Each structure stands twice: as structure tokens, then as C-alpha cells.
Amino acid sequence: MPFALSSPAFDAGQPIPAVYTCDGANLPPPLAWHGAPAGTQSFVLVIEDPDAPGGVFRHWGIYDIPAQQSALTEGGKGEGPAHAVNDFGHAFYDGPCPPPGHGVHHYHFRLAALDSPRLDFAPGGGVAALWRAARPYMIAEAELIGTYRR
């Protein structure tokens, strides 16, 4: 079974419901994964918008997700695993919020299985730096893409 990431809230390539955006409750959507490879000791998750006007915009980064975990429930912005600082300047989830009239944006939910139980990552670091710090430990990666427009 291949390593895969999904959400019960939206299908791959489909719109992300407004409740998970700045136009709604701004809650993190529920996510689930399966097929993590042998040797997985933890996970890292990032959400990126490559369609942002200024280049890739990072909405969320969490790390040190335990290997036995296979899902994230809806909500819980400040709970659970450690959080990196997103491009809004917050150490929690900030959902899709593209400029009105800018067209459809694609949100890449990227989950990496790591062969390390913990990352040596300083609190206050950004999401891009988190992904770079995790890269040497990645043994698999799964991606889910959702869309949103305003």
C-alpha cells in the first residue's frame, strides 16, 4: 500500500470547504494517512500555496508527530505536535486566504515520514526552514492538493 494522505473534508484536487479558510472558522481540516514505510519514527506536515502573488506562501508546519499517529482531527490550532511559524507570522494554522479575484489557488498538504523520532528544530523557526531541516530524515512523502478561490 503506497504512502497516501487524504481528508474526509475534501477530495484531492477539489475545493477546500470555507470553514477551513479565512472566510470561515479558519480551522485546520481533518487529515488521515496510511501506508507509512517501515522505519517511520515521526511525521512532518506543511501546507503551501505556490500560487500566491509573492511566491510560495506557507500556511502551516507541524513536526514531531508520533509515528503511531495516522490522523489529525479538525481544529486544534495550538494543540499537539510542535508548530513552525507560518508566513503570517503565527505558530499555528492559518487557512487559505488568497487575494479576492486572484483565481484558483492550489494548497499542497505535504506529509513526510521521517526516520528520526524528533527534529532538532528551534522554536520560532519558519515553515520553509522546517521542511529543509526534515529533508535529510525523509523516507517517504505523501501529498494532497486542495483548491480555494475568493
N, C-alpha and C. Protein backbone atom coordinates (compact mmCIF):
# COMPACT_ATOMS: atom_id res chain seq x y z
N MET A 1 0.85 -1.17 0.00
CA MET A 1 0.00 0.00 0.00
C MET A 1 0.90 1.24 0.00
N PRO A 2 0.76 2.12 -0.97
CA PRO A 2 1.60 3.32 -1.01
C PRO A 2 1.24 4.31 0.09
N PHE A 3 2.22 5.10 0.47
CA PHE A 3 2.04 6.15 1.47
C PHE A 3 1.11 7.20 0.87
N ALA A 4 -0.01 7.49 1.53
CA ALA A 4 -1.01 8.41 0.97
C ALA A 4 -1.62 9.27 2.06
N LEU A 5 -1.98 10.49 1.67
CA LEU A 5 -2.59 11.48 2.54
C LEU A 5 -3.95 11.84 1.97
N SER A 6 -4.98 11.93 2.83
CA SER A 6 -6.32 12.30 2.37
C SER A 6 -7.02 13.11 3.46
N SER A 7 -8.20 13.63 3.09
CA SER A 7 -9.03 14.35 4.05
C SER A 7 -10.47 13.93 3.86
N PRO A 8 -11.20 13.68 4.95
CA PRO A 8 -12.62 13.41 4.82
C PRO A 8 -13.42 14.68 4.48
N ALA A 9 -12.77 15.85 4.53
CA ALA A 9 -13.45 17.12 4.29
C ALA A 9 -13.46 17.53 2.82
N PHE A 10 -12.49 17.04 2.02
CA PHE A 10 -12.44 17.39 0.60
C PHE A 10 -11.62 16.33 -0.14
N ASP A 11 -11.96 16.14 -1.40
CA ASP A 11 -11.24 15.18 -2.24
C ASP A 11 -10.05 15.86 -2.91
N ALA A 12 -9.09 15.06 -3.30
CA ALA A 12 -7.90 15.57 -3.99
C ALA A 12 -8.30 16.36 -5.22
N GLY A 13 -7.73 17.56 -5.35
CA GLY A 13 -7.99 18.42 -6.49
C GLY A 13 -9.28 19.21 -6.40
N GLN A 14 -10.01 19.06 -5.30
CA GLN A 14 -11.31 19.71 -5.14
C GLN A 14 -11.22 20.89 -4.17
N PRO A 15 -12.25 21.75 -4.16
CA PRO A 15 -12.24 22.91 -3.26
C PRO A 15 -12.21 22.52 -1.78
N ILE A 16 -11.46 23.29 -1.03
CA ILE A 16 -11.41 23.16 0.42
C ILE A 16 -12.62 23.91 0.98
N PRO A 17 -13.43 23.29 1.83
CA PRO A 17 -14.60 23.98 2.39
C PRO A 17 -14.21 25.26 3.13
N ALA A 18 -15.06 26.27 3.04
CA ALA A 18 -14.78 27.59 3.61
C ALA A 18 -14.49 27.56 5.10
N VAL A 19 -15.04 26.61 5.83
CA VAL A 19 -14.81 26.55 7.28
C VAL A 19 -13.31 26.43 7.60
N TYR A 20 -12.51 25.93 6.65
CA TYR A 20 -11.07 25.73 6.86
C TYR A 20 -10.24 26.88 6.30
N THR A 21 -10.90 28.00 5.99
CA THR A 21 -10.24 29.15 5.37
C THR A 21 -10.44 30.41 6.22
N CYS A 22 -9.82 31.51 5.79
CA CYS A 22 -10.00 32.79 6.49
C CYS A 22 -11.42 33.33 6.33
N ASP A 23 -12.18 32.77 5.40
CA ASP A 23 -13.57 33.20 5.21
C ASP A 23 -14.54 32.45 6.12
N GLY A 24 -14.02 31.45 6.83
CA GLY A 24 -14.83 30.65 7.73
C GLY A 24 -14.24 30.67 9.13
N ALA A 25 -14.22 29.51 9.77
CA ALA A 25 -13.71 29.40 11.14
C ALA A 25 -12.19 29.28 11.20
N ASN A 26 -11.54 29.14 10.03
CA ASN A 26 -10.07 29.05 9.95
C ASN A 26 -9.54 27.86 10.74
N LEU A 27 -10.26 26.75 10.69
CA LEU A 27 -9.87 25.54 11.39
C LEU A 27 -8.99 24.67 10.50
N PRO A 28 -8.00 23.98 11.07
CA PRO A 28 -7.27 23.00 10.28
C PRO A 28 -8.22 21.88 9.87
N PRO A 29 -8.16 21.44 8.62
CA PRO A 29 -9.05 20.36 8.20
C PRO A 29 -8.59 19.02 8.76
N PRO A 30 -9.51 18.08 8.89
CA PRO A 30 -9.09 16.75 9.32
C PRO A 30 -8.28 16.10 8.20
N LEU A 31 -7.25 15.37 8.59
CA LEU A 31 -6.38 14.69 7.64
C LEU A 31 -6.14 13.27 8.14
N ALA A 32 -5.92 12.36 7.20
CA ALA A 32 -5.62 10.96 7.55
C ALA A 32 -4.57 10.44 6.57
N TRP A 33 -3.77 9.50 7.04
CA TRP A 33 -2.76 8.91 6.16
C TRP A 33 -2.62 7.43 6.47
N HIS A 34 -2.09 6.73 5.49
CA HIS A 34 -1.84 5.29 5.64
C HIS A 34 -0.65 4.91 4.75
N GLY A 35 -0.12 3.73 5.01
CA GLY A 35 0.97 3.22 4.18
C GLY A 35 2.33 3.78 4.53
N ALA A 36 2.52 4.29 5.74
CA ALA A 36 3.84 4.80 6.12
C ALA A 36 4.85 3.65 6.04
N PRO A 37 6.03 3.92 5.51
CA PRO A 37 7.01 2.85 5.35
C PRO A 37 7.60 2.37 6.67
N ALA A 38 8.13 1.15 6.65
CA ALA A 38 8.84 0.61 7.80
C ALA A 38 9.98 1.57 8.14
N GLY A 39 10.23 1.75 9.40
CA GLY A 39 11.29 2.65 9.83
C GLY A 39 10.81 4.06 10.14
N THR A 40 9.52 4.34 9.90
CA THR A 40 8.98 5.67 10.21
C THR A 40 8.99 5.86 11.73
N GLN A 41 9.59 6.98 12.16
CA GLN A 41 9.63 7.30 13.59
C GLN A 41 8.87 8.56 13.95
N SER A 42 8.56 9.38 12.95
CA SER A 42 7.74 10.57 13.17
C SER A 42 7.32 11.13 11.82
N PHE A 43 6.46 12.16 11.86
CA PHE A 43 5.98 12.81 10.63
C PHE A 43 6.13 14.32 10.75
N VAL A 44 6.22 14.97 9.59
CA VAL A 44 6.20 16.43 9.47
C VAL A 44 5.12 16.76 8.44
N LEU A 45 4.34 17.80 8.69
CA LEU A 45 3.31 18.24 7.75
C LEU A 45 3.48 19.72 7.48
N VAL A 46 3.42 20.09 6.20
CA VAL A 46 3.41 21.51 5.82
C VAL A 46 2.29 21.74 4.82
N ILE A 47 1.79 22.97 4.78
CA ILE A 47 0.80 23.37 3.78
C ILE A 47 1.35 24.60 3.08
N GLU A 48 1.41 24.51 1.74
CA GLU A 48 1.98 25.59 0.93
C GLU A 48 1.05 25.98 -0.20
N ASP A 49 1.06 27.26 -0.53
CA ASP A 49 0.30 27.80 -1.66
C ASP A 49 1.31 28.35 -2.67
N PRO A 50 1.62 27.60 -3.74
CA PRO A 50 2.57 28.09 -4.73
C PRO A 50 1.98 29.14 -5.67
N ASP A 51 0.67 29.38 -5.59
CA ASP A 51 0.01 30.35 -6.47
C ASP A 51 -0.06 31.75 -5.87
N ALA A 52 0.50 31.94 -4.69
CA ALA A 52 0.44 33.25 -4.03
C ALA A 52 1.18 34.29 -4.87
N PRO A 53 0.71 35.54 -4.86
CA PRO A 53 1.31 36.58 -5.70
C PRO A 53 2.81 36.79 -5.48
N GLY A 54 3.28 36.62 -4.24
CA GLY A 54 4.69 36.84 -3.94
C GLY A 54 5.54 35.58 -3.98
N GLY A 55 4.99 34.49 -4.49
CA GLY A 55 5.71 33.21 -4.47
C GLY A 55 5.08 32.27 -3.46
N VAL A 56 5.73 31.16 -3.20
CA VAL A 56 5.18 30.14 -2.29
C VAL A 56 4.89 30.76 -0.93
N PHE A 57 3.64 30.54 -0.46
CA PHE A 57 3.22 31.05 0.84
C PHE A 57 2.90 29.84 1.71
N ARG A 58 3.47 29.81 2.91
CA ARG A 58 3.34 28.65 3.79
C ARG A 58 2.34 28.94 4.91
N HIS A 59 1.31 28.08 5.00
CA HIS A 59 0.20 28.28 5.92
C HIS A 59 0.33 27.52 7.24
N TRP A 60 1.09 26.43 7.25
CA TRP A 60 1.17 25.62 8.47
C TRP A 60 2.36 24.70 8.37
N GLY A 61 2.99 24.46 9.50
CA GLY A 61 4.05 23.49 9.59
C GLY A 61 4.05 22.88 10.98
N ILE A 62 3.88 21.57 11.06
CA ILE A 62 3.92 20.88 12.35
C ILE A 62 4.90 19.72 12.24
N TYR A 63 5.51 19.41 13.35
CA TYR A 63 6.53 18.37 13.36
C TYR A 63 6.51 17.59 14.67
N ASP A 64 7.32 16.54 14.70
CA ASP A 64 7.35 15.61 15.83
C ASP A 64 5.98 14.96 16.04
N ILE A 65 5.29 14.70 14.94
CA ILE A 65 4.04 13.94 15.00
C ILE A 65 4.44 12.48 15.23
N PRO A 66 3.96 11.82 16.28
CA PRO A 66 4.39 10.46 16.59
C PRO A 66 4.11 9.46 15.47
N ALA A 67 4.99 8.51 15.33
CA ALA A 67 4.89 7.51 14.25
C ALA A 67 3.60 6.70 14.33
N GLN A 68 3.07 6.48 15.53
CA GLN A 68 1.84 5.68 15.67
C GLN A 68 0.59 6.47 15.29
N GLN A 69 0.71 7.76 15.09
CA GLN A 69 -0.43 8.59 14.72
C GLN A 69 -0.71 8.46 13.23
N SER A 70 -1.98 8.40 12.86
CA SER A 70 -2.34 8.27 11.44
C SER A 70 -3.41 9.28 11.01
N ALA A 71 -3.63 10.30 11.85
CA ALA A 71 -4.65 11.29 11.51
C ALA A 71 -4.46 12.54 12.37
N LEU A 72 -5.01 13.64 11.85
CA LEU A 72 -5.15 14.88 12.61
C LEU A 72 -6.63 15.25 12.55
N THR A 73 -7.21 15.55 13.69
CA THR A 73 -8.63 15.89 13.71
C THR A 73 -8.83 17.35 13.34
N GLU A 74 -10.05 17.69 13.00
CA GLU A 74 -10.40 19.08 12.69
C GLU A 74 -10.16 19.97 13.90
N GLY A 75 -9.59 21.14 13.65
CA GLY A 75 -9.39 22.11 14.72
C GLY A 75 -8.08 21.89 15.46
N GLY A 76 -8.00 22.42 16.67
CA GLY A 76 -6.81 22.22 17.49
C GLY A 76 -5.61 23.02 17.04
N LYS A 77 -5.77 24.30 16.74
CA LYS A 77 -4.69 25.14 16.21
C LYS A 77 -3.42 25.11 17.04
N GLY A 78 -3.51 25.14 18.33
CA GLY A 78 -2.32 25.23 19.15
C GLY A 78 -1.99 23.96 19.91
N GLU A 79 -2.69 22.87 19.62
CA GLU A 79 -2.51 21.64 20.37
C GLU A 79 -1.65 20.64 19.58
N GLY A 80 -1.17 19.64 20.31
CA GLY A 80 -0.49 18.52 19.66
C GLY A 80 0.96 18.78 19.36
N PRO A 81 1.41 18.37 18.18
CA PRO A 81 2.82 18.45 17.83
C PRO A 81 3.35 19.89 17.84
N ALA A 82 4.66 20.00 17.71
CA ALA A 82 5.30 21.31 17.67
C ALA A 82 4.97 22.03 16.37
N HIS A 83 4.87 23.34 16.43
CA HIS A 83 4.49 24.16 15.28
C HIS A 83 5.61 25.08 14.85
N ALA A 84 5.83 25.18 13.56
CA ALA A 84 6.74 26.18 12.99
C ALA A 84 5.94 27.47 12.78
N VAL A 85 6.62 28.54 12.50
CA VAL A 85 5.98 29.83 12.27
C VAL A 85 5.62 29.93 10.78
N ASN A 86 4.33 30.19 10.51
CA ASN A 86 3.88 30.29 9.12
C ASN A 86 4.20 31.67 8.54
N ASP A 87 3.87 31.87 7.28
CA ASP A 87 4.20 33.14 6.64
C ASP A 87 3.30 34.30 7.07
N PHE A 88 2.28 34.02 7.87
CA PHE A 88 1.50 35.09 8.51
C PHE A 88 2.21 35.55 9.79
N GLY A 89 3.23 34.79 10.22
CA GLY A 89 3.95 35.10 11.45
C GLY A 89 3.40 34.42 12.68
N HIS A 90 2.56 33.38 12.47
CA HIS A 90 1.92 32.67 13.58
C HIS A 90 2.45 31.24 13.69
N ALA A 91 2.55 30.75 14.91
CA ALA A 91 2.97 29.36 15.15
C ALA A 91 1.73 28.48 15.31
N PHE A 92 0.84 28.56 14.33
CA PHE A 92 -0.34 27.71 14.26
C PHE A 92 -0.89 27.76 12.84
N TYR A 93 -1.97 27.08 12.61
CA TYR A 93 -2.60 27.02 11.30
C TYR A 93 -3.30 28.33 10.95
N ASP A 94 -3.07 28.79 9.74
CA ASP A 94 -3.84 29.86 9.12
C ASP A 94 -4.25 29.33 7.76
N GLY A 95 -5.53 29.23 7.52
CA GLY A 95 -6.03 28.60 6.31
C GLY A 95 -5.92 29.44 5.05
N PRO A 96 -6.36 28.85 3.95
CA PRO A 96 -6.35 29.54 2.66
C PRO A 96 -7.01 30.91 2.76
N CYS A 97 -6.37 31.89 2.11
CA CYS A 97 -6.86 33.27 2.15
C CYS A 97 -6.29 34.02 0.95
N PRO A 98 -6.54 33.51 -0.27
CA PRO A 98 -5.96 34.18 -1.44
C PRO A 98 -6.59 35.55 -1.67
N PRO A 99 -5.89 36.42 -2.37
CA PRO A 99 -6.48 37.73 -2.68
C PRO A 99 -7.77 37.57 -3.49
N PRO A 100 -8.81 38.31 -3.17
CA PRO A 100 -10.04 38.23 -3.95
C PRO A 100 -9.76 38.50 -5.43
N GLY A 101 -10.37 37.69 -6.27
CA GLY A 101 -10.24 37.86 -7.71
C GLY A 101 -8.92 37.35 -8.29
N HIS A 102 -8.10 36.69 -7.50
CA HIS A 102 -6.79 36.21 -7.96
C HIS A 102 -6.88 34.83 -8.61
N GLY A 103 -8.07 34.27 -8.70
CA GLY A 103 -8.23 32.96 -9.31
C GLY A 103 -8.07 31.83 -8.32
N VAL A 104 -8.06 30.63 -8.85
CA VAL A 104 -7.95 29.43 -8.03
C VAL A 104 -6.52 29.27 -7.53
N HIS A 105 -6.39 29.03 -6.24
CA HIS A 105 -5.09 28.70 -5.64
C HIS A 105 -5.09 27.23 -5.27
N HIS A 106 -3.93 26.61 -5.38
CA HIS A 106 -3.76 25.19 -5.07
C HIS A 106 -2.96 25.07 -3.76
N TYR A 107 -3.53 24.38 -2.80
CA TYR A 107 -2.92 24.23 -1.49
C TYR A 107 -2.36 22.82 -1.38
N HIS A 108 -1.04 22.75 -1.23
CA HIS A 108 -0.33 21.48 -1.17
C HIS A 108 -0.11 21.09 0.29
N PHE A 109 -0.79 20.03 0.71
CA PHE A 109 -0.62 19.45 2.03
C PHE A 109 0.45 18.37 1.85
N ARG A 110 1.62 18.57 2.42
CA ARG A 110 2.74 17.65 2.23
C ARG A 110 3.10 17.00 3.56
N LEU A 111 3.03 15.68 3.58
CA LEU A 111 3.34 14.91 4.78
C LEU A 111 4.58 14.08 4.50
N ALA A 112 5.57 14.17 5.38
CA ALA A 112 6.79 13.38 5.23
C ALA A 112 6.93 12.41 6.39
N ALA A 113 7.28 11.18 6.07
CA ALA A 113 7.63 10.18 7.07
C ALA A 113 9.13 10.31 7.32
N LEU A 114 9.52 10.39 8.57
CA LEU A 114 10.92 10.58 8.93
C LEU A 114 11.47 9.36 9.67
N ASP A 115 12.77 9.14 9.52
CA ASP A 115 13.43 8.04 10.24
C ASP A 115 14.06 8.53 11.54
N SER A 116 13.55 9.64 12.06
CA SER A 116 14.01 10.22 13.32
C SER A 116 12.78 10.50 14.18
N PRO A 117 12.84 10.19 15.49
CA PRO A 117 11.66 10.45 16.33
C PRO A 117 11.43 11.92 16.64
N ARG A 118 12.49 12.73 16.55
CA ARG A 118 12.37 14.16 16.84
C ARG A 118 13.30 14.93 15.92
N LEU A 119 12.87 16.13 15.55
CA LEU A 119 13.73 17.02 14.77
C LEU A 119 14.41 18.00 15.71
N ASP A 120 15.65 18.29 15.41
CA ASP A 120 16.37 19.32 16.14
C ASP A 120 16.04 20.64 15.43
N PHE A 121 14.91 21.21 15.80
CA PHE A 121 14.41 22.41 15.14
C PHE A 121 14.03 23.42 16.20
N ALA A 122 14.63 24.58 16.14
CA ALA A 122 14.43 25.61 17.16
C ALA A 122 13.03 26.20 17.10
N PRO A 123 12.37 26.36 18.24
CA PRO A 123 11.07 27.05 18.27
C PRO A 123 11.22 28.44 17.65
N GLY A 124 10.22 28.84 16.90
CA GLY A 124 10.25 30.14 16.25
C GLY A 124 10.77 30.10 14.83
N GLY A 125 11.21 28.92 14.38
CA GLY A 125 11.67 28.77 13.00
C GLY A 125 10.50 28.73 12.05
N GLY A 126 10.74 29.11 10.81
CA GLY A 126 9.69 29.16 9.80
C GLY A 126 9.42 27.81 9.15
N VAL A 127 8.30 27.74 8.45
CA VAL A 127 7.86 26.51 7.80
C VAL A 127 8.85 26.06 6.73
N ALA A 128 9.38 26.98 5.93
CA ALA A 128 10.34 26.61 4.90
C ALA A 128 11.59 26.01 5.54
N ALA A 129 12.06 26.59 6.64
CA ALA A 129 13.23 26.07 7.34
C ALA A 129 12.93 24.70 7.95
N LEU A 130 11.70 24.50 8.42
CA LEU A 130 11.29 23.21 8.96
C LEU A 130 11.42 22.12 7.89
N TRP A 131 10.90 22.39 6.71
CA TRP A 131 10.94 21.39 5.63
C TRP A 131 12.39 21.07 5.26
N ARG A 132 13.23 22.10 5.22
CA ARG A 132 14.66 21.87 4.92
C ARG A 132 15.31 21.02 6.02
N ALA A 133 14.97 21.29 7.28
CA ALA A 133 15.53 20.54 8.40
C ALA A 133 15.09 19.07 8.38
N ALA A 134 13.88 18.83 7.89
CA ALA A 134 13.35 17.47 7.84
C ALA A 134 13.89 16.67 6.66
N ARG A 135 14.27 17.34 5.60
CA ARG A 135 14.65 16.65 4.35
C ARG A 135 15.67 15.51 4.55
N PRO A 136 16.75 15.67 5.32
CA PRO A 136 17.71 14.58 5.46
C PRO A 136 17.14 13.31 6.10
N TYR A 137 16.01 13.43 6.79
CA TYR A 137 15.41 12.30 7.51
C TYR A 137 14.21 11.70 6.78
N MET A 138 13.83 12.27 5.65
CA MET A 138 12.64 11.82 4.92
C MET A 138 12.87 10.46 4.26
N ILE A 139 11.93 9.55 4.52
CA ILE A 139 11.97 8.24 3.86
C ILE A 139 10.77 8.06 2.93
N ALA A 140 9.78 8.93 3.04
CA ALA A 140 8.64 8.91 2.13
C ALA A 140 7.89 10.23 2.25
N GLU A 141 7.17 10.57 1.19
CA GLU A 141 6.39 11.79 1.18
C GLU A 141 5.04 11.52 0.51
N ALA A 142 3.99 12.08 1.09
CA ALA A 142 2.64 11.98 0.52
C ALA A 142 2.10 13.40 0.38
N GLU A 143 1.25 13.61 -0.63
CA GLU A 143 0.74 14.94 -0.89
C GLU A 143 -0.76 14.90 -1.21
N LEU A 144 -1.47 15.89 -0.71
CA LEU A 144 -2.88 16.10 -1.03
C LEU A 144 -3.00 17.55 -1.45
N ILE A 145 -3.65 17.79 -2.58
CA ILE A 145 -3.84 19.15 -3.07
C ILE A 145 -5.32 19.49 -3.06
N GLY A 146 -5.64 20.62 -2.42
CA GLY A 146 -6.98 21.16 -2.42
C GLY A 146 -6.94 22.55 -3.02
N THR A 147 -8.08 23.05 -3.44
CA THR A 147 -8.12 24.37 -4.08
C THR A 147 -9.02 25.32 -3.29
N TYR A 148 -8.80 26.62 -3.55
CA TYR A 148 -9.68 27.62 -2.96
C TYR A 148 -9.56 28.90 -3.77
N ARG A 149 -10.68 29.60 -3.92
CA ARG A 149 -10.70 30.91 -4.59
C ARG A 149 -11.63 31.82 -3.82
N ARG A 150 -11.36 33.13 -3.93
CA ARG A 150 -12.21 34.13 -3.28
C ARG A 150 -12.71 35.09 -4.34
